Amino acid sequence: MTRKDFVAKAVILPALAGLVIAETAPAQAKGTKAQFKYQDSPHNGQKCSGCNFFIPGSSAKANGACKLVDGSISPNGWCTAYAPKK
């Protein structure tokens, strides 16, 4: 092995190890409704159906999910994580 090969491997291998660790890191758990002060009604005109984190249900009126809050989420609900859709 030449010095050039050794240096290349010495730089690349730790970088690859970092990628493997990053790819296998566990996803963070969602927060509870209480943590985000979730309520089933809108707040100052803001509601989950207009939030960037809301995942719609099977219809416009059906409960959906949230990327941050655990559990069934009403499209008319609201929480402190509200972020308007862009």
PDB file of N, CA and C in Angstrom:
ATOM      1  N   MET A   1       0.856  -1.171   0.000  1.00  0.00           N
ATOM      2  CA  MET A   1       0.000   0.000   0.000  1.00  0.00           C
ATOM      3  C   MET A   1       0.905   1.237   0.000  1.00  0.00           C
ATOM      4  N   THR A   2       0.592   2.154  -0.886  1.00  0.00           N
ATOM      5  CA  THR A   2       1.372   3.385  -0.955  1.00  0.00           C
ATOM      6  C   THR A   2       0.885   4.375   0.098  1.00  0.00           C
ATOM      7  N   ARG A   3       1.679   5.380   0.330  1.00  0.00           N
ATOM      8  CA  ARG A   3       1.292   6.409   1.290  1.00  0.00           C
ATOM      9  C   ARG A   3       0.002   7.100   0.832  1.00  0.00           C
ATOM     10  N   LYS A   4      -0.128   7.316  -0.465  1.00  0.00           N
ATOM     11  CA  LYS A   4      -1.321   7.956  -1.020  1.00  0.00           C
ATOM     12  C   LYS A   4      -2.564   7.109  -0.731  1.00  0.00           C
ATOM     13  N   ASP A   5      -2.465   5.787  -0.924  1.00  0.00           N
ATOM     14  CA  ASP A   5      -3.590   4.884  -0.640  1.00  0.00           C
ATOM     15  C   ASP A   5      -3.937   4.905   0.848  1.00  0.00           C
ATOM     16  N   PHE A   6      -2.902   4.886   1.695  1.00  0.00           N
ATOM     17  CA  PHE A   6      -3.125   4.891   3.135  1.00  0.00           C
ATOM     18  C   PHE A   6      -3.849   6.162   3.579  1.00  0.00           C
ATOM     19  N   VAL A   7      -3.398   7.309   3.094  1.00  0.00           N
ATOM     20  CA  VAL A   7      -4.013   8.586   3.464  1.00  0.00           C
ATOM     21  C   VAL A   7      -5.459   8.632   2.982  1.00  0.00           C
ATOM     22  N   ALA A   8      -5.704   8.164   1.766  1.00  0.00           N
ATOM     23  CA  ALA A   8      -7.067   8.165   1.230  1.00  0.00           C
ATOM     24  C   ALA A   8      -7.987   7.309   2.099  1.00  0.00           C
ATOM     25  N   LYS A   9      -7.525   6.131   2.484  1.00  0.00           N
ATOM     26  CA  LYS A   9      -8.342   5.243   3.328  1.00  0.00           C
ATOM     27  C   LYS A   9      -8.503   5.819   4.731  1.00  0.00           C
ATOM     28  N   ALA A  10      -7.477   6.463   5.234  1.00  0.00           N
ATOM     29  CA  ALA A  10      -7.547   7.043   6.576  1.00  0.00           C
ATOM     30  C   ALA A  10      -8.572   8.171   6.641  1.00  0.00           C
ATOM     31  N   VAL A  11      -8.805   8.834   5.535  1.00  0.00           N
ATOM     32  CA  VAL A  11      -9.781   9.923   5.493  1.00  0.00           C
ATOM     33  C   VAL A  11     -11.178   9.393   5.188  1.00  0.00           C
ATOM     34  N   ILE A  12     -11.287   8.461   4.269  1.00  0.00           N
ATOM     35  CA  ILE A  12     -12.591   7.974   3.801  1.00  0.00           C
ATOM     36  C   ILE A  12     -13.271   7.052   4.814  1.00  0.00           C
ATOM     37  N   LEU A  13     -12.545   6.146   5.428  1.00  0.00           N
ATOM     38  CA  LEU A  13     -13.176   5.175   6.334  1.00  0.00           C
ATOM     39  C   LEU A  13     -13.896   5.821   7.518  1.00  0.00           C
ATOM     40  N   PRO A  14     -13.299   6.779   8.224  1.00  0.00           N
ATOM     41  CA  PRO A  14     -14.059   7.421   9.315  1.00  0.00           C
ATOM     42  C   PRO A  14     -15.298   8.164   8.812  1.00  0.00           C
ATOM     43  N   ALA A  15     -15.192   8.754   7.630  1.00  0.00           N
ATOM     44  CA  ALA A  15     -16.353   9.454   7.069  1.00  0.00           C
ATOM     45  C   ALA A  15     -17.475   8.471   6.783  1.00  0.00           C
ATOM     46  N   LEU A  16     -17.148   7.316   6.232  1.00  0.00           N
ATOM     47  CA  LEU A  16     -18.162   6.292   5.963  1.00  0.00           C
ATOM     48  C   LEU A  16     -18.768   5.771   7.263  1.00  0.00           C
ATOM     49  N   ALA A  17     -17.959   5.613   8.280  1.00  0.00           N
ATOM     50  CA  ALA A  17     -18.480   5.154   9.570  1.00  0.00           C
ATOM     51  C   ALA A  17     -19.484   6.160  10.116  1.00  0.00           C
ATOM     52  N   GLY A  18     -19.212   7.438   9.950  1.00  0.00           N
ATOM     53  CA  GLY A  18     -20.150   8.473  10.389  1.00  0.00           C
ATOM     54  C   GLY A  18     -21.463   8.395   9.655  1.00  0.00           C
ATOM     55  N   LEU A  19     -21.428   8.080   8.366  1.00  0.00           N
ATOM     56  CA  LEU A  19     -22.661   7.930   7.592  1.00  0.00           C
ATOM     57  C   LEU A  19     -23.486   6.758   8.094  1.00  0.00           C
ATOM     58  N   VAL A  20     -22.831   5.656   8.402  1.00  0.00           N
ATOM     59  CA  VAL A  20     -23.545   4.476   8.894  1.00  0.00           C
ATOM     60  C   VAL A  20     -24.215   4.790  10.221  1.00  0.00           C
ATOM     61  N   ILE A  21     -23.529   5.473  11.098  1.00  0.00           N
ATOM     62  CA  ILE A  21     -24.103   5.833  12.395  1.00  0.00           C
ATOM     63  C   ILE A  21     -25.284   6.779  12.205  1.00  0.00           C
ATOM     64  N   ALA A  22     -25.152   7.748  11.321  1.00  0.00           N
ATOM     65  CA  ALA A  22     -26.236   8.702  11.080  1.00  0.00           C
ATOM     66  C   ALA A  22     -27.458   8.015  10.490  1.00  0.00           C
ATOM     67  N   GLU A  23     -27.257   7.045   9.630  1.00  0.00           N
ATOM     68  CA  GLU A  23     -28.370   6.347   8.991  1.00  0.00           C
ATOM     69  C   GLU A  23     -29.110   5.438   9.969  1.00  0.00           C
ATOM     70  N   THR A  24     -28.442   4.968  11.005  1.00  0.00           N
ATOM     71  CA  THR A  24     -29.078   4.036  11.930  1.00  0.00           C
ATOM     72  C   THR A  24     -29.579   4.705  13.205  1.00  0.00           C
ATOM     73  N   ALA A  25     -29.428   6.019  13.310  1.00  0.00           N
ATOM     74  CA  ALA A  25     -29.903   6.721  14.504  1.00  0.00           C
ATOM     75  C   ALA A  25     -31.427   6.615  14.590  1.00  0.00           C
ATOM     76  N   PRO A  26     -31.957   6.332  15.780  1.00  0.00           N
ATOM     77  CA  PRO A  26     -33.409   6.191  15.913  1.00  0.00           C
ATOM     78  C   PRO A  26     -34.131   7.524  15.731  1.00  0.00           C
ATOM     79  N   ALA A  27     -35.317   7.452  15.176  1.00  0.00           N
ATOM     80  CA  ALA A  27     -36.143   8.645  15.010  1.00  0.00           C
ATOM     81  C   ALA A  27     -36.644   9.097  16.380  1.00  0.00           C
ATOM     82  N   GLN A  28     -36.821  10.381  16.529  1.00  0.00           N
ATOM     83  CA  GLN A  28     -37.322  10.882  17.800  1.00  0.00           C
ATOM     84  C   GLN A  28     -38.805  10.573  17.926  1.00  0.00           C
ATOM     85  N   ALA A  29     -39.215  10.280  19.137  1.00  0.00           N
ATOM     86  CA  ALA A  29     -40.623   9.995  19.406  1.00  0.00           C
ATOM     87  C   ALA A  29     -41.430  11.288  19.333  1.00  0.00           C
ATOM     88  N   LYS A  30     -42.704  11.137  19.006  1.00  0.00           N
ATOM     89  CA  LYS A  30     -43.602  12.290  18.975  1.00  0.00           C
ATOM     90  C   LYS A  30     -43.912  12.727  20.403  1.00  0.00           C
ATOM     91  N   GLY A  31     -44.294  13.977  20.537  1.00  0.00           N
ATOM     92  CA  GLY A  31     -44.686  14.503  21.835  1.00  0.00           C
ATOM     93  C   GLY A  31     -46.139  14.182  22.141  1.00  0.00           C
ATOM     94  N   THR A  32     -46.532  14.382  23.373  1.00  0.00           N
ATOM     95  CA  THR A  32     -47.916  14.125  23.776  1.00  0.00           C
ATOM     96  C   THR A  32     -48.772  15.359  23.506  1.00  0.00           C
ATOM     97  N   LYS A  33     -50.073  15.139  23.492  1.00  0.00           N
ATOM     98  CA  LYS A  33     -51.006  16.251  23.308  1.00  0.00           C
ATOM     99  C   LYS A  33     -50.840  17.267  24.437  1.00  0.00           C
ATOM    100  N   ALA A  34     -50.615  16.780  25.639  1.00  0.00           N
ATOM    101  CA  ALA A  34     -50.443  17.678  26.788  1.00  0.00           C
ATOM    102  C   ALA A  34     -49.194  18.549  26.630  1.00  0.00           C
ATOM    103  N   GLN A  35     -48.114  17.967  26.134  1.00  0.00           N
ATOM    104  CA  GLN A  35     -46.876  18.730  25.956  1.00  0.00           C
ATOM    105  C   GLN A  35     -47.068  19.896  24.987  1.00  0.00           C
ATOM    106  N   PHE A  36     -47.911  19.687  23.985  1.00  0.00           N
ATOM    107  CA  PHE A  36     -48.139  20.717  22.974  1.00  0.00           C
ATOM    108  C   PHE A  36     -49.434  21.494  23.210  1.00  0.00           C
ATOM    109  N   LYS A  37     -50.051  21.277  24.375  1.00  0.00           N
ATOM    110  CA  LYS A  37     -51.300  21.969  24.740  1.00  0.00           C
ATOM    111  C   LYS A  37     -52.353  21.850  23.637  1.00  0.00           C
ATOM    112  N   TYR A  38     -52.465  20.633  23.091  1.00  0.00           N
ATOM    113  CA  TYR A  38     -53.422  20.363  22.014  1.00  0.00           C
ATOM    114  C   TYR A  38     -54.855  20.554  22.499  1.00  0.00           C
ATOM    115  N   GLN A  39     -55.683  21.132  21.632  1.00  0.00           N
ATOM    116  CA  GLN A  39     -57.118  21.262  21.902  1.00  0.00           C
ATOM    117  C   GLN A  39     -57.863  20.902  20.623  1.00  0.00           C
ATOM    118  N   ASP A  40     -59.101  20.437  20.759  1.00  0.00           N
ATOM    119  CA  ASP A  40     -59.895  20.000  19.611  1.00  0.00           C
ATOM    120  C   ASP A  40     -60.592  21.140  18.876  1.00  0.00           C
ATOM    121  N   SER A  41     -60.310  22.369  19.239  1.00  0.00           N
ATOM    122  CA  SER A  41     -60.950  23.515  18.585  1.00  0.00           C
ATOM    123  C   SER A  41     -59.880  24.499  18.108  1.00  0.00           C
ATOM    124  N   PRO A  42     -60.218  25.331  17.106  1.00  0.00           N
ATOM    125  CA  PRO A  42     -59.251  26.307  16.588  1.00  0.00           C
ATOM    126  C   PRO A  42     -58.849  27.341  17.639  1.00  0.00           C
ATOM    127  N   HIS A  43     -57.765  28.034  17.368  1.00  0.00           N
ATOM    128  CA  HIS A  43     -57.255  29.083  18.255  1.00  0.00           C
ATOM    129  C   HIS A  43     -56.933  30.302  17.394  1.00  0.00           C
ATOM    130  N   ASN A  44     -57.671  31.388  17.584  1.00  0.00           N
ATOM    131  CA  ASN A  44     -57.458  32.620  16.814  1.00  0.00           C
ATOM    132  C   ASN A  44     -57.419  32.367  15.306  1.00  0.00           C
ATOM    133  N   GLY A  45     -58.321  31.520  14.824  1.00  0.00           N
ATOM    134  CA  GLY A  45     -58.401  31.224  13.397  1.00  0.00           C
ATOM    135  C   GLY A  45     -57.397  30.198  12.903  1.00  0.00           C
ATOM    136  N   GLN A  46     -56.509  29.755  13.774  1.00  0.00           N
ATOM    137  CA  GLN A  46     -55.522  28.742  13.396  1.00  0.00           C
ATOM    138  C   GLN A  46     -56.079  27.366  13.712  1.00  0.00           C
ATOM    139  N   LYS A  47     -55.940  26.429  12.768  1.00  0.00           N
ATOM    140  CA  LYS A  47     -56.384  25.060  13.017  1.00  0.00           C
ATOM    141  C   LYS A  47     -55.463  24.081  12.309  1.00  0.00           C
ATOM    142  N   CYS A  48     -55.478  22.862  12.766  1.00  0.00           N
ATOM    143  CA  CYS A  48     -54.549  21.843  12.288  1.00  0.00           C
ATOM    144  C   CYS A  48     -54.581  21.651  10.776  1.00  0.00           C
ATOM    145  N   SER A  49     -55.752  21.747  10.165  1.00  0.00           N
ATOM    146  CA  SER A  49     -55.833  21.537   8.718  1.00  0.00           C
ATOM    147  C   SER A  49     -55.001  22.557   7.940  1.00  0.00           C
ATOM    148  N   GLY A  50     -54.667  23.677   8.559  1.00  0.00           N
ATOM    149  CA  GLY A  50     -53.838  24.691   7.920  1.00  0.00           C
ATOM    150  C   GLY A  50     -52.388  24.660   8.374  1.00  0.00           C
ATOM    151  N   CYS A  51     -52.022  23.617   9.114  1.00  0.00           N
ATOM    152  CA  CYS A  51     -50.676  23.504   9.678  1.00  0.00           C
ATOM    153  C   CYS A  51     -49.774  22.635   8.802  1.00  0.00           C
ATOM    154  N   ASN A  52     -48.533  23.009   8.727  1.00  0.00           N
ATOM    155  CA  ASN A  52     -47.532  22.279   7.957  1.00  0.00           C
ATOM    156  C   ASN A  52     -47.290  20.868   8.496  1.00  0.00           C
ATOM    157  N   PHE A  53     -47.543  20.624   9.772  1.00  0.00           N
ATOM    158  CA  PHE A  53     -47.267  19.327  10.382  1.00  0.00           C
ATOM    159  C   PHE A  53     -48.451  18.360  10.324  1.00  0.00           C
ATOM    160  N   PHE A  54     -49.617  18.837   9.896  1.00  0.00           N
ATOM    161  CA  PHE A  54     -50.833  18.010   9.874  1.00  0.00           C
ATOM    162  C   PHE A  54     -50.803  17.025   8.706  1.00  0.00           C
ATOM    163  N   ILE A  55     -51.194  15.782   8.993  1.00  0.00           N
ATOM    164  CA  ILE A  55     -51.324  14.733   7.977  1.00  0.00           C
ATOM    165  C   ILE A  55     -52.813  14.433   7.877  1.00  0.00           C
ATOM    166  N   PRO A  56     -53.466  14.829   6.771  1.00  0.00           N
ATOM    167  CA  PRO A  56     -54.924  14.684   6.655  1.00  0.00           C
ATOM    168  C   PRO A  56     -55.402  13.240   6.773  1.00  0.00           C
ATOM    169  N   GLY A  57     -56.647  13.103   7.250  1.00  0.00           N
ATOM    170  CA  GLY A  57     -57.297  11.801   7.331  1.00  0.00           C
ATOM    171  C   GLY A  57     -57.896  11.425   5.984  1.00  0.00           C
ATOM    172  N   SER A  58     -58.820  10.475   5.994  1.00  0.00           N
ATOM    173  CA  SER A  58     -59.409   9.949   4.758  1.00  0.00           C
ATOM    174  C   SER A  58     -60.350  10.933   4.077  1.00  0.00           C
ATOM    175  N   SER A  59     -60.835  11.934   4.807  1.00  0.00           N
ATOM    176  CA  SER A  59     -61.678  12.982   4.226  1.00  0.00           C
ATOM    177  C   SER A  59     -61.349  14.300   4.925  1.00  0.00           C
ATOM    178  N   ALA A  60     -61.892  15.390   4.414  1.00  0.00           N
ATOM    179  CA  ALA A  60     -61.597  16.711   4.985  1.00  0.00           C
ATOM    180  C   ALA A  60     -62.047  16.839   6.436  1.00  0.00           C
ATOM    181  N   LYS A  61     -63.101  16.107   6.818  1.00  0.00           N
ATOM    182  CA  LYS A  61     -63.623  16.198   8.187  1.00  0.00           C
ATOM    183  C   LYS A  61     -63.072  15.116   9.116  1.00  0.00           C
ATOM    184  N   ALA A  62     -62.427  14.099   8.540  1.00  0.00           N
ATOM    185  CA  ALA A  62     -61.908  12.987   9.345  1.00  0.00           C
ATOM    186  C   ALA A  62     -60.649  13.400  10.099  1.00  0.00           C
ATOM    187  N   ASN A  63     -60.465  12.814  11.277  1.00  0.00           N
ATOM    188  CA  ASN A  63     -59.243  13.052  12.028  1.00  0.00           C
ATOM    189  C   ASN A  63     -58.054  12.532  11.240  1.00  0.00           C
ATOM    190  N   GLY A  64     -56.939  13.194  11.423  1.00  0.00           N
ATOM    191  CA  GLY A  64     -55.705  12.790  10.772  1.00  0.00           C
ATOM    192  C   GLY A  64     -54.635  12.536  11.812  1.00  0.00           C
ATOM    193  N   ALA A  65     -53.408  12.873  11.456  1.00  0.00           N
ATOM    194  CA  ALA A  65     -52.272  12.680  12.351  1.00  0.00           C
ATOM    195  C   ALA A  65     -51.398  13.931  12.284  1.00  0.00           C
ATOM    196  N   CYS A  66     -50.377  13.935  13.099  1.00  0.00           N
ATOM    197  CA  CYS A  66     -49.448  15.056  13.141  1.00  0.00           C
ATOM    198  C   CYS A  66     -48.028  14.511  13.107  1.00  0.00           C
ATOM    199  N   LYS A  67     -47.134  15.243  12.481  1.00  0.00           N
ATOM    200  CA  LYS A  67     -45.733  14.840  12.429  1.00  0.00           C
ATOM    201  C   LYS A  67     -45.042  15.014  13.777  1.00  0.00           C
ATOM    202  N   LEU A  68     -45.622  15.826  14.673  1.00  0.00           N
ATOM    203  CA  LEU A  68     -44.990  16.115  15.960  1.00  0.00           C
ATOM    204  C   LEU A  68     -45.745  15.594  17.173  1.00  0.00           C
ATOM    205  N   VAL A  69     -47.085  15.532  17.065  1.00  0.00           N
ATOM    206  CA  VAL A  69     -47.932  15.174  18.205  1.00  0.00           C
ATOM    207  C   VAL A  69     -48.501  13.777  18.001  1.00  0.00           C
ATOM    208  N   ASP A  70     -48.427  12.948  19.014  1.00  0.00           N
ATOM    209  CA  ASP A  70     -48.925  11.577  18.948  1.00  0.00           C
ATOM    210  C   ASP A  70     -50.445  11.535  19.087  1.00  0.00           C
ATOM    211  N   GLY A  71     -51.071  10.597  18.404  1.00  0.00           N
ATOM    212  CA  GLY A  71     -52.504  10.376  18.552  1.00  0.00           C
ATOM    213  C   GLY A  71     -53.317  10.907  17.391  1.00  0.00           C
ATOM    214  N   SER A  72     -54.631  10.726  17.514  1.00  0.00           N
ATOM    215  CA  SER A  72     -55.580  11.185  16.506  1.00  0.00           C
ATOM    216  C   SER A  72     -55.744  12.701  16.619  1.00  0.00           C
ATOM    217  N   ILE A  73     -55.661  13.386  15.480  1.00  0.00           N
ATOM    218  CA  ILE A  73     -55.680  14.849  15.474  1.00  0.00           C
ATOM    219  C   ILE A  73     -56.845  15.362  14.635  1.00  0.00           C
ATOM    220  N   SER A  74     -57.655  16.218  15.233  1.00  0.00           N
ATOM    221  CA  SER A  74     -58.794  16.815  14.532  1.00  0.00           C
ATOM    222  C   SER A  74     -58.297  17.877  13.552  1.00  0.00           C
ATOM    223  N   PRO A  75     -58.873  17.927  12.347  1.00  0.00           N
ATOM    224  CA  PRO A  75     -58.481  18.993  11.419  1.00  0.00           C
ATOM    225  C   PRO A  75     -58.839  20.382  11.963  1.00  0.00           C
ATOM    226  N   ASN A  76     -59.770  20.435  12.916  1.00  0.00           N
ATOM    227  CA  ASN A  76     -60.166  21.702  13.544  1.00  0.00           C
ATOM    228  C   ASN A  76     -59.419  21.973  14.843  1.00  0.00           C
ATOM    229  N   GLY A  77     -58.498  21.101  15.200  1.00  0.00           N
ATOM    230  CA  GLY A  77     -57.743  21.258  16.436  1.00  0.00           C
ATOM    231  C   GLY A  77     -56.647  22.305  16.309  1.00  0.00           C
ATOM    232  N   TRP A  78     -55.899  22.464  17.389  1.00  0.00           N
ATOM    233  CA  TRP A  78     -54.796  23.421  17.426  1.00  0.00           C
ATOM    234  C   TRP A  78     -53.831  23.022  18.535  1.00  0.00           C
ATOM    235  N   CYS A  79     -52.554  23.357  18.371  1.00  0.00           N
ATOM    236  CA  CYS A  79     -51.573  23.177  19.446  1.00  0.00           C
ATOM    237  C   CYS A  79     -50.481  24.224  19.301  1.00  0.00           C
ATOM    238  N   THR A  80     -49.582  24.263  20.259  1.00  0.00           N
ATOM    239  CA  THR A  80     -48.530  25.281  20.281  1.00  0.00           C
ATOM    240  C   THR A  80     -47.479  25.086  19.186  1.00  0.00           C
ATOM    241  N   ALA A  81     -47.475  23.949  18.527  1.00  0.00           N
ATOM    242  CA  ALA A  81     -46.521  23.705  17.434  1.00  0.00           C
ATOM    243  C   ALA A  81     -47.044  24.207  16.097  1.00  0.00           C
ATOM    244  N   TYR A  82     -48.219  24.835  16.096  1.00  0.00           N
ATOM    245  CA  TYR A  82     -48.842  25.280  14.848  1.00  0.00           C
ATOM    246  C   TYR A  82     -47.853  26.076  13.990  1.00  0.00           C
ATOM    247  N   ALA A  83     -47.748  25.660  12.732  1.00  0.00           N
ATOM    248  CA  ALA A  83     -46.910  26.361  11.746  1.00  0.00           C
ATOM    249  C   ALA A  83     -47.699  26.413  10.448  1.00  0.00           C
ATOM    250  N   PRO A  84     -48.092  27.595   9.997  1.00  0.00           N
ATOM    251  CA  PRO A  84     -48.931  27.682   8.801  1.00  0.00           C
ATOM    252  C   PRO A  84     -48.268  27.062   7.575  1.00  0.00           C
ATOM    253  N   LYS A  85     -49.096  26.420   6.749  1.00  0.00           N
ATOM    254  CA  LYS A  85     -48.592  25.857   5.495  1.00  0.00           C
ATOM    255  C   LYS A  85     -48.083  26.989   4.624  1.00  0.00           C
ATOM    256  N   LYS A  86     -47.062  26.701   3.871  1.00  0.00           N
ATOM    257  CA  LYS A  86     -46.478  27.725   2.983  1.00  0.00           C
ATOM    258  C   LYS A  86     -47.118  27.686   1.627  1.00  0.00           C
TER     259      LYS A  86
END
